[in-house]
Amino acid sequence: MDPINLLSLAFVVVYALILGLVAPYINLSSSKFGALVPTALAIVTGSLVWSILTWAGFHYDEAWIWLIVMLSMPVGMWLGAKRLTKIRT
């Protein structure tokens, strides 16, 4: 595996950790799931979007792939947490 791909994945994980720290302040904390669920949702969303865009031909040194990934991670985290809350009630 290319070291750049590992660094890209590490960046996605660090950004997801930051989003997970912010999650309680944007009303994503719930008694229906644990504190690590928003972080996990952000990691999964970011990894999937990054993999799909890389497979589609976006290159990791272009700004478009990172813009799309960084904007989709909070959306995926928020939608996933709201859906999980609705499923568990």
PDB file of N, CA and C in Angstrom:
ATOM      1  N   MET A   1       0.847  -1.180   0.000  1.00  0.00           N
ATOM      2  CA  MET A   1       0.000   0.000   0.000  1.00  0.00           C
ATOM      3  C   MET A   1       0.890   1.239   0.000  1.00  0.00           C
ATOM      4  N   ASP A   2       0.474   2.215  -0.731  1.00  0.00           N
ATOM      5  CA  ASP A   2       1.187   3.473  -0.861  1.00  0.00           C
ATOM      6  C   ASP A   2       1.158   4.238   0.457  1.00  0.00           C
ATOM      7  N   PRO A   3       2.289   4.795   0.906  1.00  0.00           N
ATOM      8  CA  PRO A   3       2.295   5.554   2.167  1.00  0.00           C
ATOM      9  C   PRO A   3       1.368   6.766   2.134  1.00  0.00           C
ATOM     10  N   ILE A   4       1.157   7.332   0.973  1.00  0.00           N
ATOM     11  CA  ILE A   4       0.247   8.472   0.857  1.00  0.00           C
ATOM     12  C   ILE A   4      -1.178   8.054   1.175  1.00  0.00           C
ATOM     13  N   ASN A   5      -1.561   6.846   0.778  1.00  0.00           N
ATOM     14  CA  ASN A   5      -2.895   6.352   1.103  1.00  0.00           C
ATOM     15  C   ASN A   5      -3.063   6.185   2.607  1.00  0.00           C
ATOM     16  N   LEU A   6      -2.022   5.712   3.284  1.00  0.00           N
ATOM     17  CA  LEU A   6      -2.084   5.585   4.738  1.00  0.00           C
ATOM     18  C   LEU A   6      -2.190   6.946   5.416  1.00  0.00           C
ATOM     19  N   LEU A   7      -1.472   7.922   4.898  1.00  0.00           N
ATOM     20  CA  LEU A   7      -1.572   9.273   5.453  1.00  0.00           C
ATOM     21  C   LEU A   7      -2.954   9.871   5.199  1.00  0.00           C
ATOM     22  N   SER A   8      -3.520   9.586   4.055  1.00  0.00           N
ATOM     23  CA  SER A   8      -4.866  10.067   3.757  1.00  0.00           C
ATOM     24  C   SER A   8      -5.879   9.451   4.702  1.00  0.00           C
ATOM     25  N   LEU A   9      -5.758   8.163   4.954  1.00  0.00           N
ATOM     26  CA  LEU A   9      -6.648   7.499   5.892  1.00  0.00           C
ATOM     27  C   LEU A   9      -6.450   8.037   7.307  1.00  0.00           C
ATOM     28  N   ALA A  10      -5.207   8.297   7.679  1.00  0.00           N
ATOM     29  CA  ALA A  10      -4.939   8.876   8.999  1.00  0.00           C
ATOM     30  C   ALA A  10      -5.575  10.259   9.119  1.00  0.00           C
ATOM     31  N   PHE A  11      -5.545  11.030   8.047  1.00  0.00           N
ATOM     32  CA  PHE A  11      -6.176  12.343   8.071  1.00  0.00           C
ATOM     33  C   PHE A  11      -7.680  12.220   8.264  1.00  0.00           C
ATOM     34  N   VAL A  12      -8.300  11.251   7.594  1.00  0.00           N
ATOM     35  CA  VAL A  12      -9.738  11.028   7.741  1.00  0.00           C
ATOM     36  C   VAL A  12     -10.057  10.650   9.185  1.00  0.00           C
ATOM     37  N   VAL A  13      -9.240   9.811   9.793  1.00  0.00           N
ATOM     38  CA  VAL A  13      -9.473   9.388  11.179  1.00  0.00           C
ATOM     39  C   VAL A  13      -9.313  10.558  12.140  1.00  0.00           C
ATOM     40  N   VAL A  14      -8.291  11.373  11.971  1.00  0.00           N
ATOM     41  CA  VAL A  14      -8.088  12.528  12.854  1.00  0.00           C
ATOM     42  C   VAL A  14      -9.228  13.530  12.705  1.00  0.00           C
ATOM     43  N   TYR A  15      -9.664  13.772  11.496  1.00  0.00           N
ATOM     44  CA  TYR A  15     -10.787  14.686  11.275  1.00  0.00           C
ATOM     45  C   TYR A  15     -12.068  14.130  11.897  1.00  0.00           C
ATOM     46  N   ALA A  16     -12.260  12.814  11.815  1.00  0.00           N
ATOM     47  CA  ALA A  16     -13.433  12.186  12.435  1.00  0.00           C
ATOM     48  C   ALA A  16     -13.364  12.301  13.956  1.00  0.00           C
ATOM     49  N   LEU A  17     -12.180  12.186  14.524  1.00  0.00           N
ATOM     50  CA  LEU A  17     -12.039  12.365  15.976  1.00  0.00           C
ATOM     51  C   LEU A  17     -12.409  13.782  16.392  1.00  0.00           C
ATOM     52  N   ILE A  18     -12.009  14.754  15.612  1.00  0.00           N
ATOM     53  CA  ILE A  18     -12.380  16.142  15.898  1.00  0.00           C
ATOM     54  C   ILE A  18     -13.886  16.318  15.784  1.00  0.00           C
ATOM     55  N   LEU A  19     -14.495  15.728  14.761  1.00  0.00           N
ATOM     56  CA  LEU A  19     -15.948  15.804  14.623  1.00  0.00           C
ATOM     57  C   LEU A  19     -16.649  15.113  15.783  1.00  0.00           C
ATOM     58  N   GLY A  20     -16.091  14.006  16.258  1.00  0.00           N
ATOM     59  CA  GLY A  20     -16.670  13.315  17.399  1.00  0.00           C
ATOM     60  C   GLY A  20     -16.607  14.134  18.670  1.00  0.00           C
ATOM     61  N   LEU A  21     -15.569  14.947  18.813  1.00  0.00           N
ATOM     62  CA  LEU A  21     -15.480  15.831  19.975  1.00  0.00           C
ATOM     63  C   LEU A  21     -16.497  16.966  19.906  1.00  0.00           C
ATOM     64  N   VAL A  22     -16.851  17.375  18.711  1.00  0.00           N
ATOM     65  CA  VAL A  22     -17.804  18.464  18.521  1.00  0.00           C
ATOM     66  C   VAL A  22     -19.249  17.973  18.589  1.00  0.00           C
ATOM     67  N   ALA A  23     -19.461  16.682  18.379  1.00  0.00           N
ATOM     68  CA  ALA A  23     -20.811  16.120  18.273  1.00  0.00           C
ATOM     69  C   ALA A  23     -21.738  16.472  19.432  1.00  0.00           C
ATOM     70  N   PRO A  24     -21.305  16.425  20.690  1.00  0.00           N
ATOM     71  CA  PRO A  24     -22.242  16.778  21.770  1.00  0.00           C
ATOM     72  C   PRO A  24     -22.712  18.231  21.719  1.00  0.00           C
ATOM     73  N   TYR A  25     -21.932  19.095  21.131  1.00  0.00           N
ATOM     74  CA  TYR A  25     -22.290  20.506  21.081  1.00  0.00           C
ATOM     75  C   TYR A  25     -23.242  20.839  19.940  1.00  0.00           C
ATOM     76  N   ILE A  26     -23.441  19.904  19.021  1.00  0.00           N
ATOM     77  CA  ILE A  26     -24.416  20.119  17.945  1.00  0.00           C
ATOM     78  C   ILE A  26     -25.585  19.157  18.093  1.00  0.00           C
ATOM     79  N   ASN A  27     -25.864  18.778  19.321  1.00  0.00           N
ATOM     80  CA  ASN A  27     -27.010  17.948  19.698  1.00  0.00           C
ATOM     81  C   ASN A  27     -26.994  16.569  19.053  1.00  0.00           C
ATOM     82  N   LEU A  28     -25.840  15.956  18.981  1.00  0.00           N
ATOM     83  CA  LEU A  28     -25.758  14.583  18.497  1.00  0.00           C
ATOM     84  C   LEU A  28     -25.530  13.593  19.632  1.00  0.00           C
ATOM     85  N   SER A  29     -25.572  14.050  20.860  1.00  0.00           N
ATOM     86  CA  SER A  29     -25.457  13.114  21.972  1.00  0.00           C
ATOM     87  C   SER A  29     -26.849  12.604  22.310  1.00  0.00           C
ATOM     88  N   SER A  30     -26.949  11.334  22.576  1.00  0.00           N
ATOM     89  CA  SER A  30     -28.235  10.724  22.847  1.00  0.00           C
ATOM     90  C   SER A  30     -28.040   9.598  23.851  1.00  0.00           C
ATOM     91  N   SER A  31     -29.083   9.300  24.572  1.00  0.00           N
ATOM     92  CA  SER A  31     -29.019   8.164  25.485  1.00  0.00           C
ATOM     93  C   SER A  31     -29.250   6.856  24.743  1.00  0.00           C
ATOM     94  N   LYS A  32     -29.558   6.930  23.466  1.00  0.00           N
ATOM     95  CA  LYS A  32     -29.829   5.743  22.651  1.00  0.00           C
ATOM     96  C   LYS A  32     -28.552   5.096  22.104  1.00  0.00           C
ATOM     97  N   PHE A  33     -27.433   5.820  22.105  1.00  0.00           N
ATOM     98  CA  PHE A  33     -26.176   5.254  21.631  1.00  0.00           C
ATOM     99  C   PHE A  33     -25.027   5.868  22.410  1.00  0.00           C
ATOM    100  N   GLY A  34     -23.857   5.271  22.292  1.00  0.00           N
ATOM    101  CA  GLY A  34     -22.688   5.704  23.038  1.00  0.00           C
ATOM    102  C   GLY A  34     -22.019   6.934  22.449  1.00  0.00           C
ATOM    103  N   ALA A  35     -21.009   7.389  23.151  1.00  0.00           N
ATOM    104  CA  ALA A  35     -20.317   8.610  22.752  1.00  0.00           C
ATOM    105  C   ALA A  35     -19.426   8.416  21.533  1.00  0.00           C
ATOM    106  N   LEU A  36     -19.030   7.194  21.246  1.00  0.00           N
ATOM    107  CA  LEU A  36     -18.137   6.942  20.117  1.00  0.00           C
ATOM    108  C   LEU A  36     -18.862   6.694  18.802  1.00  0.00           C
ATOM    109  N   VAL A  37     -20.172   6.595  18.846  1.00  0.00           N
ATOM    110  CA  VAL A  37     -20.941   6.314  17.625  1.00  0.00           C
ATOM    111  C   VAL A  37     -20.817   7.435  16.589  1.00  0.00           C
ATOM    112  N   PRO A  38     -20.951   8.717  16.958  1.00  0.00           N
ATOM    113  CA  PRO A  38     -20.762   9.754  15.926  1.00  0.00           C
ATOM    114  C   PRO A  38     -19.380   9.727  15.291  1.00  0.00           C
ATOM    115  N   THR A  39     -18.345   9.454  16.086  1.00  0.00           N
ATOM    116  CA  THR A  39     -16.995   9.355  15.533  1.00  0.00           C
ATOM    117  C   THR A  39     -16.893   8.187  14.564  1.00  0.00           C
ATOM    118  N   ALA A  40     -17.464   7.047  14.938  1.00  0.00           N
ATOM    119  CA  ALA A  40     -17.433   5.877  14.056  1.00  0.00           C
ATOM    120  C   ALA A  40     -18.209   6.135  12.763  1.00  0.00           C
ATOM    121  N   LEU A  41     -19.340   6.810  12.880  1.00  0.00           N
ATOM    122  CA  LEU A  41     -20.115   7.149  11.682  1.00  0.00           C
ATOM    123  C   LEU A  41     -19.325   8.072  10.758  1.00  0.00           C
ATOM    124  N   ALA A  42     -18.611   9.028  11.336  1.00  0.00           N
ATOM    125  CA  ALA A  42     -17.802   9.941  10.530  1.00  0.00           C
ATOM    126  C   ALA A  42     -16.643   9.212   9.860  1.00  0.00           C
ATOM    127  N   ILE A  43     -16.011   8.278  10.571  1.00  0.00           N
ATOM    128  CA  ILE A  43     -14.904   7.517   9.984  1.00  0.00           C
ATOM    129  C   ILE A  43     -15.410   6.663   8.823  1.00  0.00           C
ATOM    130  N   VAL A  44     -16.524   5.996   9.027  1.00  0.00           N
ATOM    131  CA  VAL A  44     -17.071   5.143   7.968  1.00  0.00           C
ATOM    132  C   VAL A  44     -17.477   5.979   6.763  1.00  0.00           C
ATOM    133  N   THR A  45     -18.157   7.091   7.004  1.00  0.00           N
ATOM    134  CA  THR A  45     -18.577   7.958   5.902  1.00  0.00           C
ATOM    135  C   THR A  45     -17.373   8.498   5.136  1.00  0.00           C
ATOM    136  N   GLY A  46     -16.399   9.021   5.857  1.00  0.00           N
ATOM    137  CA  GLY A  46     -15.212   9.574   5.203  1.00  0.00           C
ATOM    138  C   GLY A  46     -14.422   8.540   4.434  1.00  0.00           C
ATOM    139  N   SER A  47     -14.264   7.354   5.013  1.00  0.00           N
ATOM    140  CA  SER A  47     -13.519   6.298   4.324  1.00  0.00           C
ATOM    141  C   SER A  47     -14.243   5.831   3.071  1.00  0.00           C
ATOM    142  N   LEU A  48     -15.548   5.662   3.176  1.00  0.00           N
ATOM    143  CA  LEU A  48     -16.307   5.234   1.997  1.00  0.00           C
ATOM    144  C   LEU A  48     -16.287   6.280   0.889  1.00  0.00           C
ATOM    145  N   VAL A  49     -16.517   7.533   1.249  1.00  0.00           N
ATOM    146  CA  VAL A  49     -16.524   8.597   0.234  1.00  0.00           C
ATOM    147  C   VAL A  49     -15.152   8.736  -0.398  1.00  0.00           C
ATOM    148  N   TRP A  50     -14.103   8.692   0.428  1.00  0.00           N
ATOM    149  CA  TRP A  50     -12.743   8.814  -0.101  1.00  0.00           C
ATOM    150  C   TRP A  50     -12.425   7.643  -1.031  1.00  0.00           C
ATOM    151  N   SER A  51     -12.813   6.429  -0.654  1.00  0.00           N
ATOM    152  CA  SER A  51     -12.554   5.255  -1.496  1.00  0.00           C
ATOM    153  C   SER A  51     -13.323   5.329  -2.808  1.00  0.00           C
ATOM    154  N   ILE A  52     -14.580   5.725  -2.729  1.00  0.00           N
ATOM    155  CA  ILE A  52     -15.392   5.826  -3.950  1.00  0.00           C
ATOM    156  C   ILE A  52     -14.838   6.891  -4.880  1.00  0.00           C
ATOM    157  N   LEU A  53     -14.461   8.036  -4.333  1.00  0.00           N
ATOM    158  CA  LEU A  53     -13.930   9.101  -5.181  1.00  0.00           C
ATOM    159  C   LEU A  53     -12.569   8.730  -5.771  1.00  0.00           C
ATOM    160  N   THR A  54     -11.744   8.017  -5.004  1.00  0.00           N
ATOM    161  CA  THR A  54     -10.464   7.562  -5.527  1.00  0.00           C
ATOM    162  C   THR A  54     -10.683   6.556  -6.651  1.00  0.00           C
ATOM    163  N   TRP A  55     -11.645   5.650  -6.443  1.00  0.00           N
ATOM    164  CA  TRP A  55     -11.962   4.665  -7.473  1.00  0.00           C
ATOM    165  C   TRP A  55     -12.529   5.349  -8.725  1.00  0.00           C
ATOM    166  N   ALA A  56     -13.274   6.445  -8.529  1.00  0.00           N
ATOM    167  CA  ALA A  56     -13.882   7.156  -9.646  1.00  0.00           C
ATOM    168  C   ALA A  56     -12.877   7.989 -10.441  1.00  0.00           C
ATOM    169  N   GLY A  57     -11.667   8.132  -9.928  1.00  0.00           N
ATOM    170  CA  GLY A  57     -10.642   8.830 -10.685  1.00  0.00           C
ATOM    171  C   GLY A  57     -10.129  10.117 -10.071  1.00  0.00           C
ATOM    172  N   PHE A  58     -10.673  10.532  -8.938  1.00  0.00           N
ATOM    173  CA  PHE A  58     -10.138  11.705  -8.264  1.00  0.00           C
ATOM    174  C   PHE A  58      -8.773  11.353  -7.694  1.00  0.00           C
ATOM    175  N   HIS A  59      -7.859  12.273  -7.760  1.00  0.00           N
ATOM    176  CA  HIS A  59      -6.519  12.042  -7.230  1.00  0.00           C
ATOM    177  C   HIS A  59      -6.410  12.676  -5.859  1.00  0.00           C
ATOM    178  N   TYR A  60      -5.655  12.050  -4.970  1.00  0.00           N
ATOM    179  CA  TYR A  60      -5.595  12.497  -3.577  1.00  0.00           C
ATOM    180  C   TYR A  60      -4.864  13.817  -3.385  1.00  0.00           C
ATOM    181  N   ASP A  61      -4.151  14.313  -4.374  1.00  0.00           N
ATOM    182  CA  ASP A  61      -3.479  15.599  -4.205  1.00  0.00           C
ATOM    183  C   ASP A  61      -4.285  16.757  -4.785  1.00  0.00           C
ATOM    184  N   GLU A  62      -5.509  16.485  -5.219  1.00  0.00           N
ATOM    185  CA  GLU A  62      -6.392  17.550  -5.688  1.00  0.00           C
ATOM    186  C   GLU A  62      -7.304  17.986  -4.552  1.00  0.00           C
ATOM    187  N   ALA A  63      -7.696  19.227  -4.580  1.00  0.00           N
ATOM    188  CA  ALA A  63      -8.520  19.776  -3.494  1.00  0.00           C
ATOM    189  C   ALA A  63      -9.953  19.259  -3.534  1.00  0.00           C
ATOM    190  N   TRP A  64     -10.440  18.860  -4.699  1.00  0.00           N
ATOM    191  CA  TRP A  64     -11.846  18.458  -4.805  1.00  0.00           C
ATOM    192  C   TRP A  64     -12.173  17.245  -3.958  1.00  0.00           C
ATOM    193  N   ILE A  65     -11.298  16.262  -3.950  1.00  0.00           N
ATOM    194  CA  ILE A  65     -11.586  15.054  -3.179  1.00  0.00           C
ATOM    195  C   ILE A  65     -11.659  15.369  -1.694  1.00  0.00           C
ATOM    196  N   TRP A  66     -10.771  16.227  -1.218  1.00  0.00           N
ATOM    197  CA  TRP A  66     -10.766  16.554   0.213  1.00  0.00           C
ATOM    198  C   TRP A  66     -11.925  17.460   0.582  1.00  0.00           C
ATOM    199  N   LEU A  67     -12.314  18.338  -0.299  1.00  0.00           N
ATOM    200  CA  LEU A  67     -13.477  19.186  -0.047  1.00  0.00           C
ATOM    201  C   LEU A  67     -14.740  18.343   0.074  1.00  0.00           C
ATOM    202  N   ILE A  68     -14.909  17.409  -0.833  1.00  0.00           N
ATOM    203  CA  ILE A  68     -16.089  16.553  -0.798  1.00  0.00           C
ATOM    204  C   ILE A  68     -16.078  15.665   0.435  1.00  0.00           C
ATOM    205  N   VAL A  69     -14.926  15.086   0.763  1.00  0.00           N
ATOM    206  CA  VAL A  69     -14.836  14.208   1.940  1.00  0.00           C
ATOM    207  C   VAL A  69     -15.093  14.994   3.220  1.00  0.00           C
ATOM    208  N   MET A  70     -14.480  16.158   3.350  1.00  0.00           N
ATOM    209  CA  MET A  70     -14.623  16.932   4.587  1.00  0.00           C
ATOM    210  C   MET A  70     -16.019  17.507   4.756  1.00  0.00           C
ATOM    211  N   LEU A  71     -16.754  17.710   3.688  1.00  0.00           N
ATOM    212  CA  LEU A  71     -18.129  18.178   3.816  1.00  0.00           C
ATOM    213  C   LEU A  71     -19.111  17.027   3.990  1.00  0.00           C
ATOM    214  N   SER A  72     -18.768  15.846   3.490  1.00  0.00           N
ATOM    215  CA  SER A  72     -19.686  14.714   3.628  1.00  0.00           C
ATOM    216  C   SER A  72     -19.590  14.031   4.988  1.00  0.00           C
ATOM    217  N   MET A  73     -18.457  14.140   5.647  1.00  0.00           N
ATOM    218  CA  MET A  73     -18.296  13.475   6.947  1.00  0.00           C
ATOM    219  C   MET A  73     -19.245  14.017   8.014  1.00  0.00           C
ATOM    220  N   PRO A  74     -19.364  15.326   8.212  1.00  0.00           N
ATOM    221  CA  PRO A  74     -20.334  15.800   9.210  1.00  0.00           C
ATOM    222  C   PRO A  74     -21.776  15.488   8.820  1.00  0.00           C
ATOM    223  N   VAL A  75     -22.064  15.523   7.525  1.00  0.00           N
ATOM    224  CA  VAL A  75     -23.423  15.206   7.072  1.00  0.00           C
ATOM    225  C   VAL A  75     -23.741  13.744   7.348  1.00  0.00           C
ATOM    226  N   GLY A  76     -22.813  12.855   7.029  1.00  0.00           N
ATOM    227  CA  GLY A  76     -23.012  11.439   7.295  1.00  0.00           C
ATOM    228  C   GLY A  76     -23.117  11.139   8.777  1.00  0.00           C
ATOM    229  N   MET A  77     -22.333  11.840   9.572  1.00  0.00           N
ATOM    230  CA  MET A  77     -22.391  11.663  11.025  1.00  0.00           C
ATOM    231  C   MET A  77     -23.746  12.108  11.560  1.00  0.00           C
ATOM    232  N   TRP A  78     -24.219  13.250  11.113  1.00  0.00           N
ATOM    233  CA  TRP A  78     -25.491  13.779  11.603  1.00  0.00           C
ATOM    234  C   TRP A  78     -26.666  12.912  11.160  1.00  0.00           C
ATOM    235  N   LEU A  79     -26.690  12.552   9.859  1.00  0.00           N
ATOM    236  CA  LEU A  79     -27.783  11.723   9.353  1.00  0.00           C
ATOM    237  C   LEU A  79     -27.783  10.334   9.990  1.00  0.00           C
ATOM    238  N   GLY A  80     -26.608   9.750  10.153  1.00  0.00           N
ATOM    239  CA  GLY A  80     -26.512   8.434  10.770  1.00  0.00           C
ATOM    240  C   GLY A  80     -26.951   8.438  12.223  1.00  0.00           C
ATOM    241  N   ALA A  81     -26.562   9.477  12.965  1.00  0.00           N
ATOM    242  CA  ALA A  81     -26.955   9.561  14.372  1.00  0.00           C
ATOM    243  C   ALA A  81     -28.456   9.780  14.516  1.00  0.00           C
ATOM    244  N   LYS A  82     -29.032  10.618  13.687  1.00  0.00           N
ATOM    245  CA  LYS A  82     -30.476  10.848  13.744  1.00  0.00           C
ATOM    246  C   LYS A  82     -31.241   9.583  13.362  1.00  0.00           C
ATOM    247  N   ARG A  83     -30.762   8.873  12.357  1.00  0.00           N
ATOM    248  CA  ARG A  83     -31.421   7.635  11.937  1.00  0.00           C
ATOM    249  C   ARG A  83     -31.304   6.564  13.019  1.00  0.00           C
ATOM    250  N   LEU A  84     -30.148   6.467  13.651  1.00  0.00           N
ATOM    251  CA  LEU A  84     -29.954   5.491  14.710  1.00  0.00           C
ATOM    252  C   LEU A  84     -30.846   5.797  15.915  1.00  0.00           C
ATOM    253  N   THR A  85     -30.986   7.072  16.237  1.00  0.00           N
ATOM    254  CA  THR A  85     -31.875   7.463  17.334  1.00  0.00           C
ATOM    255  C   THR A  85     -33.317   7.092  17.014  1.00  0.00           C
ATOM    256  N   LYS A  86     -33.732   7.325  15.771  1.00  0.00           N
ATOM    257  CA  LYS A  86     -35.092   7.012  15.379  1.00  0.00           C
ATOM    258  C   LYS A  86     -35.338   5.505  15.378  1.00  0.00           C
ATOM    259  N   ILE A  87     -34.353   4.727  14.972  1.00  0.00           N
ATOM    260  CA  ILE A  87     -34.500   3.267  14.947  1.00  0.00           C
ATOM    261  C   ILE A  87     -34.611   2.713  16.363  1.00  0.00           C
ATOM    262  N   ARG A  88     -33.845   3.274  17.285  1.00  0.00           N
ATOM    263  CA  ARG A  88     -33.810   2.732  18.650  1.00  0.00           C
ATOM    264  C   ARG A  88     -34.933   3.226  19.543  1.00  0.00           C
ATOM    265  N   THR A  89     -35.769   4.135  19.076  1.00  0.00           N
ATOM    266  CA  THR A  89     -36.905   4.564  19.906  1.00  0.00           C
ATOM    267  C   THR A  89     -38.145   3.763  19.603  1.00  0.00           C
TER     268      THR A  89
END
